[in-house]
C-alpha atoms as a PDB file:
ATOM      1  CA  MET A   1      32.853  -8.220   0.962  1.00  0.00           C
ATOM      2  CA  PRO A   2      33.178  -4.300   0.612  1.00  0.00           C
ATOM      3  CA  MET A   3      34.368  -2.545  -2.265  1.00  0.00           C
ATOM      4  CA  LEU A   4      38.245  -1.859  -1.500  1.00  0.00           C
ATOM      5  CA  ARG A   5      40.525   0.795  -3.252  1.00  0.00           C
ATOM      6  CA  THR A   6      42.623  -2.331  -4.434  1.00  0.00           C
ATOM      7  CA  GLY A   7      39.670  -3.064  -6.595  1.00  0.00           C
ATOM      8  CA  PHE A   8      39.819   0.422  -8.402  1.00  0.00           C
ATOM      9  CA  GLU A   9      43.730   0.733  -8.839  1.00  0.00           C
ATOM     10  CA  ASP A  10      43.511   3.329 -11.940  1.00  0.00           C
ATOM     11  CA  LEU A  11      41.485   5.493  -9.395  1.00  0.00           C
ATOM     12  CA  PHE A  12      43.439   5.361  -6.176  1.00  0.00           C
ATOM     13  CA  PHE A  13      46.791   4.353  -6.525  1.00  0.00           C
ATOM     14  CA  SER A  14      48.013   4.581 -10.295  1.00  0.00           C
ATOM     15  CA  ARG A  15      46.084   7.787 -11.078  1.00  0.00           C
ATOM     16  CA  LEU A  16      46.925   9.645 -13.952  1.00  0.00           C
ATOM     17  CA  PRO A  17      48.206  13.188 -13.275  1.00  0.00           C
ATOM     18  CA  TYR A  18      45.937  14.522 -16.422  1.00  0.00           C
ATOM     19  CA  MET A  19      42.764  12.498 -15.872  1.00  0.00           C
ATOM     20  CA  ASP A  20      39.922  14.338 -17.274  1.00  0.00           C
ATOM     21  CA  THR A  21      36.861  12.250 -16.673  1.00  0.00           C
ATOM     22  CA  VAL A  22      35.868   9.109 -14.620  1.00  0.00           C
ATOM     23  CA  PHE A  23      33.106   7.717 -16.153  1.00  0.00           C
ATOM     24  CA  PHE A  24      30.062   6.354 -14.190  1.00  0.00           C
ATOM     25  CA  GLU A  25      27.084   4.652 -16.095  1.00  0.00           C
ATOM     26  CA  ASN A  26      26.096   8.489 -17.584  1.00  0.00           C
ATOM     27  CA  TYR A  27      23.419   6.792 -19.467  1.00  0.00           C
ATOM     28  CA  ARG A  28      19.465   7.637 -20.123  1.00  0.00           C
ATOM     29  CA  ASP A  29      16.841   5.216 -18.413  1.00  0.00           C
ATOM     30  CA  TYR A  30      13.737   4.302 -20.251  1.00  0.00           C
ATOM     31  CA  PRO A  31      10.599   5.575 -18.744  1.00  0.00           C
ATOM     32  CA  GLU A  32       8.443   2.985 -16.527  1.00  0.00           C
ATOM     33  CA  LEU A  33       7.132   0.477 -19.186  1.00  0.00           C
ATOM     34  CA  HIS A  34       5.274  -2.362 -17.030  1.00  0.00           C
ATOM     35  CA  SER A  35       2.918  -0.159 -15.538  1.00  0.00           C
ATOM     36  CA  MET A  36       1.320   0.752 -18.861  1.00  0.00           C
ATOM     37  CA  ILE A  37       0.268  -2.940 -19.272  1.00  0.00           C
ATOM     38  CA  PHE A  38      -0.305  -4.370 -15.540  1.00  0.00           C
ATOM     39  CA  ASP A  39      -3.175  -3.440 -13.698  1.00  0.00           C
ATOM     40  CA  PHE A  40      -1.659  -2.319 -10.359  1.00  0.00           C
ATOM     41  CA  ASN A  41      -2.813  -2.042  -6.591  1.00  0.00           C
ATOM     42  CA  PRO A  42      -1.433  -1.640  -3.397  1.00  0.00           C
ATOM     43  CA  SER A  43      -1.256  -4.343  -0.788  1.00  0.00           C
ATOM     44  CA  SER A  44      -1.457  -4.501   2.552  1.00  0.00           C
ATOM     45  CA  LYS A  45      -1.177  -8.616   2.974  1.00  0.00           C
ATOM     46  CA  MET A  46       1.290 -11.215   2.667  1.00  0.00           C
ATOM     47  CA  ARG A  47      -0.326 -12.496  -0.602  1.00  0.00           C
ATOM     48  CA  GLU A  48      -3.319 -11.498  -2.766  1.00  0.00           C
ATOM     49  CA  GLN A  49      -6.103 -14.054  -3.654  1.00  0.00           C
ATOM     50  CA  PHE A  50      -8.775 -14.355  -6.452  1.00  0.00           C
ATOM     51  CA  SER A  51     -11.604 -16.675  -6.561  1.00  0.00           C
ATOM     52  CA  GLN A  52     -13.841 -16.416  -9.815  1.00  0.00           C
ATOM     53  CA  VAL A  53     -17.563 -16.846 -10.143  1.00  0.00           C
ATOM     54  CA  VAL A  54     -19.253 -17.357 -13.291  1.00  0.00           C
ATOM     55  CA  GLY A  55     -22.654 -16.007 -14.230  1.00  0.00           C
ATOM     56  CA  LEU A  56     -25.230 -17.364 -15.963  1.00  0.00           C
ATOM     57  CA  GLY A  57     -25.774 -18.733 -19.770  1.00  0.00           C
ATOM     58  CA  LEU A  58     -28.358 -18.251 -22.228  1.00  0.00           C
ATOM     59  CA  MET A  59     -32.159 -18.311 -21.381  1.00  0.00           C
ATOM     60  CA  GLN A  60     -33.853 -21.440 -23.095  1.00  0.00           C
ATOM     61  CA  GLU A  61     -36.973 -21.670 -25.257  1.00  0.00           C
ATOM     62  CA  THR A  62     -39.860 -22.958 -22.836  1.00  0.00           C
ATOM     63  CA  THR A  63     -43.056 -24.412 -24.084  1.00  0.00           C
ATOM     64  CA  GLU A  64     -46.603 -23.440 -22.534  1.00  0.00           C
ATOM     65  CA  ASN A  65     -46.880 -24.606 -19.000  1.00  0.00           C
ATOM     66  CA  GLU A  66     -43.435 -26.254 -18.797  1.00  0.00           C
ATOM     67  CA  ALA A  67     -41.160 -25.752 -16.152  1.00  0.00           C
ATOM     68  CA  TYR A  68     -38.701 -22.945 -16.074  1.00  0.00           C
ATOM     69  CA  HIS A  69     -35.241 -23.911 -17.601  1.00  0.00           C
ATOM     70  CA  ALA A  70     -32.960 -23.760 -14.377  1.00  0.00           C
ATOM     71  CA  ASP A  71     -29.745 -22.356 -14.016  1.00  0.00           C
ATOM     72  CA  ASN A  72     -27.153 -21.236 -11.478  1.00  0.00           C
ATOM     73  CA  PHE A  73     -23.950 -19.498 -11.099  1.00  0.00           C
ATOM     74  CA  LEU A  74     -20.520 -21.505 -11.277  1.00  0.00           C
ATOM     75  CA  ALA A  75     -17.703 -21.865  -9.168  1.00  0.00           C
ATOM     76  CA  GLY A  76     -14.970 -20.801 -11.394  1.00  0.00           C
ATOM     77  CA  TYR A  77     -10.968 -20.983 -11.001  1.00  0.00           C
ATOM     78  CA  ASP A  78      -8.850 -19.350  -7.918  1.00  0.00           C
ATOM     79  CA  LYS A  79      -5.294 -17.652  -8.134  1.00  0.00           C
ATOM     80  CA  ALA A  80      -3.011 -16.542  -5.424  1.00  0.00           C
ATOM     81  CA  PHE A  81      -0.004 -13.988  -5.658  1.00  0.00           C
ATOM     82  CA  THR A  82       2.578 -14.330  -2.784  1.00  0.00           C
ATOM     83  CA  HIS A  83       4.826 -11.246  -2.535  1.00  0.00           C
ATOM     84  CA  VAL A  84       8.451 -11.589  -3.231  1.00  0.00           C
ATOM     85  CA  LYS A  85      11.303  -9.833  -1.516  1.00  0.00           C
ATOM     86  CA  HIS A  86      14.048  -8.083  -3.783  1.00  0.00           C
ATOM     87  CA  THR A  87      17.303  -6.530  -2.071  1.00  0.00           C
ATOM     88  CA  MET A  88      20.620  -5.351  -2.206  1.00  0.00           C
ATOM     89  CA  LEU A  89      23.365  -4.414  -0.427  1.00  0.00           C
ATOM     90  CA  VAL A  90      26.222  -2.334  -1.178  1.00  0.00           C
ATOM     91  CA  GLU A  91      29.277  -1.867   1.178  1.00  0.00           C
ATOM     92  CA  MET A  92      32.317   0.357   0.533  1.00  0.00           C
ATOM     93  CA  SER A  93      35.308   0.475   2.756  1.00  0.00           C
ATOM     94  CA  GLU A  94      35.999   3.660   4.879  1.00  0.00           C
ATOM     95  CA  GLU A  95      39.166   4.654   2.809  1.00  0.00           C
ATOM     96  CA  VAL A  96      37.079   4.144  -0.529  1.00  0.00           C
ATOM     97  CA  VAL A  97      34.669   6.778   0.910  1.00  0.00           C
ATOM     98  CA  GLU A  98      37.443   9.336   2.029  1.00  0.00           C
ATOM     99  CA  ASP A  99      39.586   9.069  -0.754  1.00  0.00           C
ATOM    100  CA  ASP A 100      36.711   9.106  -3.602  1.00  0.00           C
ATOM    101  CA  GLN A 101      37.871  12.266  -5.568  1.00  0.00           C
ATOM    102  CA  ASP A 102      35.680  11.505  -8.538  1.00  0.00           C
ATOM    103  CA  ASN A 103      32.500  11.433  -6.426  1.00  0.00           C
ATOM    104  CA  ILE A 104      31.706   8.073  -7.847  1.00  0.00           C
ATOM    105  CA  PHE A 105      31.113   5.933  -4.782  1.00  0.00           C
ATOM    106  CA  SER A 106      28.594   8.426  -3.322  1.00  0.00           C
ATOM    107  CA  GLN A 107      26.496   7.707  -6.179  1.00  0.00           C
ATOM    108  CA  VAL A 108      25.124   4.490  -4.548  1.00  0.00           C
ATOM    109  CA  ALA A 109      21.294   5.987  -4.373  1.00  0.00           C
ATOM    110  CA  ARG A 110      21.414   6.794  -7.978  1.00  0.00           C
ATOM    111  CA  ALA A 111      22.726   3.580  -9.214  1.00  0.00           C
ATOM    112  CA  MET A 112      20.296   1.502  -6.636  1.00  0.00           C
ATOM    113  CA  ALA A 113      17.256   3.674  -8.349  1.00  0.00           C
ATOM    114  CA  ARG A 114      18.465   2.364 -11.738  1.00  0.00           C
ATOM    115  CA  SER A 115      18.510  -1.443 -10.500  1.00  0.00           C
ATOM    116  CA  THR A 116      15.377  -1.130  -8.844  1.00  0.00           C
ATOM    117  CA  LEU A 117      13.317   0.173 -11.993  1.00  0.00           C
ATOM    118  CA  ALA A 118      15.392  -2.661 -14.147  1.00  0.00           C
ATOM    119  CA  THR A 119      14.329  -5.215 -11.398  1.00  0.00           C
ATOM    120  CA  LYS A 120      10.376  -4.275 -11.835  1.00  0.00           C
ATOM    121  CA  GLU A 121      10.663  -4.205 -15.814  1.00  0.00           C
ATOM    122  CA  THR A 122      12.392  -7.564 -15.752  1.00  0.00           C
ATOM    123  CA  PHE A 123       9.992  -9.437 -13.314  1.00  0.00           C
ATOM    124  CA  TYR A 124       6.954  -8.184 -15.154  1.00  0.00           C
ATOM    125  CA  PHE A 125       7.627  -8.443 -18.662  1.00  0.00           C
ATOM    126  CA  ASN A 126       9.095 -11.735 -17.799  1.00  0.00           C
ATOM    127  CA  ILE A 127       5.362 -12.696 -16.732  1.00  0.00           C
ATOM    128  CA  LEU A 128       4.906 -12.185 -20.580  1.00  0.00           C
ATOM    129  CA  ASN A 129       7.968 -13.802 -21.790  1.00  0.00           C
ATOM    130  CA  ASN A 130       7.558 -16.827 -19.580  1.00  0.00           C
ATOM    131  CA  GLY A 131       3.653 -16.844 -20.421  1.00  0.00           C
ATOM    132  CA  LEU A 132       4.211 -18.168 -23.958  1.00  0.00           C
ATOM    133  CA  SER A 133       3.258 -22.107 -24.558  1.00  0.00           C
ATOM    134  CA  ASN A 134       6.602 -23.001 -25.628  1.00  0.00           C
ATOM    135  CA  ILE A 135       7.895 -21.799 -22.270  1.00  0.00           C
ATOM    136  CA  GLY A 136       4.933 -21.940 -20.040  1.00  0.00           C
ATOM    137  CA  THR A 137       6.266 -21.490 -16.627  1.00  0.00           C
ATOM    138  CA  GLU A 138       3.609 -18.270 -16.084  1.00  0.00           C
ATOM    139  CA  THR A 139       0.131 -19.508 -15.958  1.00  0.00           C
ATOM    140  CA  ALA A 140      -3.389 -18.200 -16.043  1.00  0.00           C
ATOM    141  CA  TRP A 141      -5.803 -19.341 -13.362  1.00  0.00           C
ATOM    142  CA  ASP A 142      -6.584 -22.348 -15.348  1.00  0.00           C
ATOM    143  CA  GLY A 143      -3.203 -23.768 -14.982  1.00  0.00           C
ATOM    144  CA  SER A 144      -2.181 -23.408 -18.671  1.00  0.00           C
ATOM    145  CA  SER A 145       0.273 -20.761 -19.730  1.00  0.00           C
ATOM    146  CA  ILE A 146      -0.946 -17.480 -20.133  1.00  0.00           C
ATOM    147  CA  PHE A 147      -0.647 -17.777 -23.684  1.00  0.00           C
ATOM    148  CA  ASN A 148      -1.998 -21.073 -24.716  1.00  0.00           C
ATOM    149  CA  ALA A 149      -4.016 -22.620 -27.587  1.00  0.00           C
ATOM    150  CA  THR A 150      -6.477 -24.729 -25.221  1.00  0.00           C
ATOM    151  CA  HIS A 151      -7.766 -22.448 -22.333  1.00  0.00           C
ATOM    152  CA  ALA A 152     -10.569 -24.233 -20.606  1.00  0.00           C
ATOM    153  CA  TYR A 153     -13.722 -22.395 -20.085  1.00  0.00           C
ATOM    154  CA  VAL A 154     -15.692 -23.035 -16.621  1.00  0.00           C
ATOM    155  CA  GLY A 155     -18.849 -23.873 -18.273  1.00  0.00           C
ATOM    156  CA  GLY A 156     -17.008 -26.056 -21.085  1.00  0.00           C
ATOM    157  CA  GLY A 157     -15.343 -25.673 -24.138  1.00  0.00           C
ATOM    158  CA  SER A 158     -11.905 -24.318 -24.744  1.00  0.00           C
ATOM    159  CA  VAL A 159     -10.480 -21.161 -26.271  1.00  0.00           C
ATOM    160  CA  SER A 160      -7.166 -20.030 -27.897  1.00  0.00           C
ATOM    161  CA  ASN A 161      -5.128 -16.588 -27.299  1.00  0.00           C
ATOM    162  CA  TYR A 162      -1.714 -18.054 -28.588  1.00  0.00           C
ATOM    163  CA  ALA A 163       0.148 -18.482 -31.891  1.00  0.00           C
ATOM    164  CA  ALA A 164       3.442 -19.843 -33.144  1.00  0.00           C
ATOM    165  CA  ALA A 165       3.189 -17.157 -35.839  1.00  0.00           C
ATOM    166  CA  ASP A 166       5.477 -14.193 -36.977  1.00  0.00           C
ATOM    167  CA  LEU A 167       4.508 -10.729 -36.924  1.00  0.00           C
ATOM    168  CA  SER A 168       2.529  -9.980 -40.064  1.00  0.00           C
ATOM    169  CA  PRO A 169      -0.544  -8.184 -41.438  1.00  0.00           C
ATOM    170  CA  ALA A 170      -2.605 -11.515 -41.655  1.00  0.00           C
ATOM    171  CA  ASN A 171      -1.245 -12.956 -38.090  1.00  0.00           C
ATOM    172  CA  VAL A 172      -2.223  -9.385 -36.590  1.00  0.00           C
ATOM    173  CA  GLU A 173      -5.634  -9.914 -38.206  1.00  0.00           C
ATOM    174  CA  THR A 174      -5.923 -13.406 -36.534  1.00  0.00           C
ATOM    175  CA  ALA A 175      -5.192 -11.887 -33.278  1.00  0.00           C
ATOM    176  CA  LEU A 176      -7.735  -9.087 -33.779  1.00  0.00           C
ATOM    177  CA  THR A 177     -10.132 -11.533 -34.623  1.00  0.00           C
ATOM    178  CA  THR A 178      -9.646 -13.482 -31.615  1.00  0.00           C
ATOM    179  CA  PHE A 179     -10.397 -10.403 -29.388  1.00  0.00           C
ATOM    180  CA  GLY A 180     -13.620  -9.861 -31.499  1.00  0.00           C
ATOM    181  CA  ASP A 181     -14.580 -13.354 -30.985  1.00  0.00           C
ATOM    182  CA  THR A 182     -14.225 -13.161 -27.166  1.00  0.00           C
ATOM    183  CA  THR A 183     -16.941 -14.593 -24.796  1.00  0.00           C
ATOM    184  CA  ASN A 184     -17.140 -15.171 -21.139  1.00  0.00           C
ATOM    185  CA  HIS A 185     -17.265 -18.904 -19.788  1.00  0.00           C
ATOM    186  CA  ARG A 186     -20.558 -19.186 -20.423  1.00  0.00           C
ATOM    187  CA  GLY A 187     -20.269 -18.466 -23.902  1.00  0.00           C
ATOM    188  CA  ILE A 188     -21.779 -15.131 -23.933  1.00  0.00           C
ATOM    189  CA  PRO A 189     -19.670 -12.520 -26.251  1.00  0.00           C
ATOM    190  CA  VAL A 190     -18.137  -9.940 -24.092  1.00  0.00           C
ATOM    191  CA  MET A 191     -16.307  -6.952 -25.649  1.00  0.00           C
ATOM    192  CA  THR A 192     -12.606  -6.672 -25.284  1.00  0.00           C
ATOM    193  CA  GLN A 193     -10.752  -4.068 -27.449  1.00  0.00           C
ATOM    194  CA  ALA A 194      -7.036  -4.756 -28.320  1.00  0.00           C
ATOM    195  CA  ALA A 195      -5.177  -1.601 -27.046  1.00  0.00           C
ATOM    196  CA  THR A 196      -1.582  -2.088 -27.445  1.00  0.00           C
ATOM    197  CA  LEU A 197       0.717  -4.483 -29.576  1.00  0.00           C
ATOM    198  CA  TRP A 198       3.971  -4.810 -27.559  1.00  0.00           C
ATOM    199  CA  VAL A 199       7.128  -5.679 -29.502  1.00  0.00           C
ATOM    200  CA  PRO A 200      10.954  -6.378 -29.145  1.00  0.00           C
ATOM    201  CA  SER A 201      13.193  -4.055 -30.912  1.00  0.00           C
ATOM    202  CA  ALA A 202      13.602  -6.391 -33.876  1.00  0.00           C
ATOM    203  CA  LEU A 203      10.168  -6.047 -34.396  1.00  0.00           C
ATOM    204  CA  THR A 204       9.382  -2.424 -34.436  1.00  0.00           C
ATOM    205  CA  PHE A 205       9.856  -1.622 -38.257  1.00  0.00           C
ATOM    206  CA  GLN A 206       7.170  -4.467 -38.949  1.00  0.00           C
ATOM    207  CA  ALA A 207       4.857  -2.958 -36.273  1.00  0.00           C
ATOM    208  CA  ASP A 208       4.931   0.515 -37.620  1.00  0.00           C
ATOM    209  CA  GLU A 209       4.260  -0.587 -41.244  1.00  0.00           C
ATOM    210  CA  ILE A 210       1.576  -2.946 -40.256  1.00  0.00           C
ATOM    211  CA  LEU A 211      -0.338  -0.445 -38.123  1.00  0.00           C
ATOM    212  CA  LYS A 212       0.385   2.666 -40.052  1.00  0.00           C
ATOM    213  CA  THR A 213       0.245   2.110 -43.680  1.00  0.00           C
ATOM    214  CA  PRO A 214      -3.089   3.073 -45.574  1.00  0.00           C
ATOM    215  CA  GLN A 215      -2.532  -0.129 -47.759  1.00  0.00           C
ATOM    216  CA  VAL A 216      -1.686  -3.823 -46.631  1.00  0.00           C
ATOM    217  CA  PRO A 217       2.056  -3.873 -46.278  1.00  0.00           C
ATOM    218  CA  TYR A 218       4.211  -6.023 -48.524  1.00  0.00           C
ATOM    219  CA  SER A 219       0.974  -6.649 -50.977  1.00  0.00           C
ATOM    220  CA  THR A 220       1.249  -6.241 -54.541  1.00  0.00           C
ATOM    221  CA  GLU A 221      -1.977  -4.800 -54.799  1.00  0.00           C
ATOM    222  CA  ASN A 222      -3.650  -1.868 -53.672  1.00  0.00           C
ATOM    223  CA  THR A 223      -5.721  -3.283 -50.811  1.00  0.00           C
ATOM    224  CA  ILE A 224      -7.164  -1.061 -48.184  1.00  0.00           C
ATOM    225  CA  ASN A 225      -5.223  -2.055 -44.468  1.00  0.00           C
ATOM    226  CA  ALA A 226      -8.424  -2.982 -42.825  1.00  0.00           C
ATOM    227  CA  ILE A 227      -6.492  -3.203 -39.183  1.00  0.00           C
ATOM    228  CA  GLN A 228      -6.832   0.378 -39.172  1.00  0.00           C
ATOM    229  CA  THR A 229     -10.740   0.546 -39.317  1.00  0.00           C
ATOM    230  CA  THR A 230     -12.072  -2.667 -37.869  1.00  0.00           C
ATOM    231  CA  PRO A 231     -14.259  -1.955 -34.918  1.00  0.00           C
ATOM    232  CA  PHE A 232     -12.639  -4.088 -32.117  1.00  0.00           C
ATOM    233  CA  ALA A 233      -8.911  -2.834 -32.937  1.00  0.00           C
ATOM    234  CA  THR A 234      -9.936   1.166 -33.338  1.00  0.00           C
ATOM    235  CA  GLY A 235      -6.885   3.103 -31.640  1.00  0.00           C
ATOM    236  CA  LEU A 236      -4.512   0.041 -31.516  1.00  0.00           C
ATOM    237  CA  THR A 237      -1.019   1.381 -31.043  1.00  0.00           C
ATOM    238  CA  TRP A 238       2.311  -0.133 -30.799  1.00  0.00           C
ATOM    239  CA  LYS A 239       5.052  -0.132 -28.349  1.00  0.00           C
ATOM    240  CA  TRP A 240       8.443  -1.615 -27.747  1.00  0.00           C
ATOM    241  CA  SER A 241      10.296  -2.797 -24.743  1.00  0.00           C
ATOM    242  CA  PRO A 242      13.910  -3.867 -24.410  1.00  0.00           C
ATOM    243  CA  TYR A 243      12.640  -6.458 -21.541  1.00  0.00           C
ATOM    244  CA  ILE A 244      10.877  -8.646 -24.343  1.00  0.00           C
ATOM    245  CA  THR A 245      13.509 -10.998 -24.584  1.00  0.00           C
ATOM    246  CA  ASP A 246      12.640 -13.193 -27.781  1.00  0.00           C
ATOM    247  CA  PRO A 247      13.118 -11.182 -30.822  1.00  0.00           C
ATOM    248  CA  ASN A 248      10.061 -13.320 -32.403  1.00  0.00           C
ATOM    249  CA  SER A 249       7.546 -12.830 -30.095  1.00  0.00           C
ATOM    250  CA  TRP A 250       4.775 -10.454 -29.602  1.00  0.00           C
ATOM    251  CA  PHE A 251       1.914  -9.594 -27.580  1.00  0.00           C
ATOM    252  CA  MET A 252      -1.315  -7.738 -28.182  1.00  0.00           C
ATOM    253  CA  ILE A 253      -3.169  -6.526 -24.796  1.00  0.00           C
ATOM    254  CA  ALA A 254      -6.394  -4.865 -24.038  1.00  0.00           C
ATOM    255  CA  ASP A 255      -6.801  -1.610 -21.991  1.00  0.00           C
ATOM    256  CA  LYS A 256      -6.165  -2.274 -18.261  1.00  0.00           C
ATOM    257  CA  GLY A 257      -8.885  -3.095 -16.350  1.00  0.00           C
ATOM    258  CA  THR A 258     -10.298  -5.493 -19.300  1.00  0.00           C
ATOM    259  CA  HIS A 259      -7.484  -8.144 -18.873  1.00  0.00           C
ATOM    260  CA  GLY A 260      -6.442 -10.198 -16.087  1.00  0.00           C
ATOM    261  CA  LEU A 261      -2.832  -9.242 -15.707  1.00  0.00           C
ATOM    262  CA  LYS A 262      -2.202  -7.717 -12.310  1.00  0.00           C
ATOM    263  CA  GLY A 263       0.517  -6.443 -10.332  1.00  0.00           C
ATOM    264  CA  PHE A 264       0.785  -5.565  -6.495  1.00  0.00           C
ATOM    265  CA  MET A 265       3.299  -3.411  -4.784  1.00  0.00           C
ATOM    266  CA  ARG A 266       3.214  -4.707  -0.864  1.00  0.00           C
ATOM    267  CA  ARG A 267       6.290  -2.255  -0.410  1.00  0.00           C
ATOM    268  CA  ASP A 268       7.995   0.172  -2.592  1.00  0.00           C
ATOM    269  CA  ILE A 269      11.705   0.468  -2.627  1.00  0.00           C
ATOM    270  CA  THR A 270      12.932   1.311   1.106  1.00  0.00           C
ATOM    271  CA  LEU A 271      16.587   2.512   1.548  1.00  0.00           C
ATOM    272  CA  GLY A 272      18.926   2.236   4.504  1.00  0.00           C
ATOM    273  CA  ALA A 273      22.025   3.287   5.313  1.00  0.00           C
ATOM    274  CA  ASP A 274      24.901   2.317   8.288  1.00  0.00           C
ATOM    275  CA  VAL A 275      28.278   2.152   8.910  1.00  0.00           C
ATOM    276  CA  ASP A 276      30.224  -1.180  10.460  1.00  0.00           C
ATOM    277  CA  PHE A 277      31.446  -0.249  13.890  1.00  0.00           C
ATOM    278  CA  ASP A 278      34.213  -2.602  13.698  1.00  0.00           C
ATOM    279  CA  THR A 279      35.837  -1.695  10.082  1.00  0.00           C
ATOM    280  CA  GLY A 280      34.046   1.800   9.379  1.00  0.00           C
ATOM    281  CA  ALA A 281      32.958   0.584   6.124  1.00  0.00           C
ATOM    282  CA  ALA A 282      29.729   2.309   4.735  1.00  0.00           C
ATOM    283  CA  LYS A 283      26.682   0.171   3.857  1.00  0.00           C
ATOM    284  CA  ARG A 284      24.039   0.992   1.893  1.00  0.00           C
ATOM    285  CA  LYS A 285      20.518  -1.127   1.330  1.00  0.00           C
ATOM    286  CA  GLY A 286      17.518  -1.374  -0.370  1.00  0.00           C
ATOM    287  CA  SER A 287      14.430  -3.713  -0.703  1.00  0.00           C
ATOM    288  CA  MET A 288      11.069  -4.008  -1.984  1.00  0.00           C
ATOM    289  CA  ARG A 289       8.151  -6.245  -2.049  1.00  0.00           C
ATOM    290  CA  PHE A 290       5.926  -6.898  -4.907  1.00  0.00           C
ATOM    291  CA  SER A 291       4.121  -9.776  -6.788  1.00  0.00           C
ATOM    292  CA  GLY A 292       2.013 -10.355 -10.169  1.00  0.00           C
ATOM    293  CA  GLY A 293       0.670 -12.427 -12.812  1.00  0.00           C
ATOM    294  CA  CYS A 294      -2.213 -13.229 -14.636  1.00  0.00           C
ATOM    295  CA  ILE A 295      -5.264 -14.426 -13.575  1.00  0.00           C
ATOM    296  CA  ASP A 296      -8.005 -14.506 -16.590  1.00  0.00           C
ATOM    297  CA  TRP A 297      -6.326 -14.840 -19.881  1.00  0.00           C
ATOM    298  CA  ILE A 298      -9.302 -12.835 -21.726  1.00  0.00           C
ATOM    299  CA  GLY A 299      -8.045  -9.569 -23.149  1.00  0.00           C
ATOM    300  CA  THR A 300      -4.505 -10.989 -23.875  1.00  0.00           C
ATOM    301  CA  TYR A 301      -3.060 -12.721 -27.072  1.00  0.00           C
ATOM    302  CA  GLY A 302       0.781 -13.598 -27.557  1.00  0.00           C
ATOM    303  CA  SER A 303       2.828 -14.952 -30.118  1.00  0.00           C
ATOM    304  CA  SER A 304       6.278 -17.073 -29.950  1.00  0.00           C
ATOM    305  CA  GLY A 305       6.684 -16.403 -33.815  1.00  0.00           C
ATOM    306  CA  SER A 306       7.321 -19.147 -36.077  1.00  0.00           C
ATOM    307  CA  SER A 307      11.055 -19.941 -34.786  1.00  0.00           C
END
């Protein structure tokens, strides 16, 4: 159903003689945020698939003339991302276009650009939002939620990259310790360094205090804030996103290329325009196809807060 003049009575039929301005979403937009987290690649296929091969474990002590200790690569996990199509159609009657004195209805492309960015941000940040264990609909390639207390190593054992703990100096230190203790799937330490602490607007003040004050925040003693100097947190900064939906949740992410958060653009926004032959209605459309998610959980940490 196209937009008709009857849906905008004050602009077309009962217009005030001294009307000064018709306001149309003259807001400022945030810069693109999701691309600061996800490792993006173009795609030329209908889906992107990943298959993991796990390397060797530790060498074993061997006595004189004893056979060498045998080891082999291990088949790991698999994960696939199928691209999702996102579309929008805007239709306006011929009369709406002709009688648009305020140049409002000609701004469809501008409005669609804002919708395009917001759609991408919502999609990718929901991978984090829904990857927490208390929701769990977004999973890593072991089948567990992205942020989970019992991620299963291929070579045996499990590890946690999740907490139900509020943002605090002690809980940030716990998350950083998880980064420092990271091993591969055979138990060999690997270097992952926390790069960014992502928070919702409700936690921005705490994040700034925790990462930037020389002493431990909220402490009655003059204790040095070691978060600023620990080797696996050097350079840790914080950022906030309005697309983090839970005011209590927070995420710690390593640099791109050292974590498993992936994004794929099959086709970025494509715009089209046409006119309905029978009615003269103007049609504007846009569509894009992309996908994303998490393969390996290494290099990520998430908390849903304690409430």
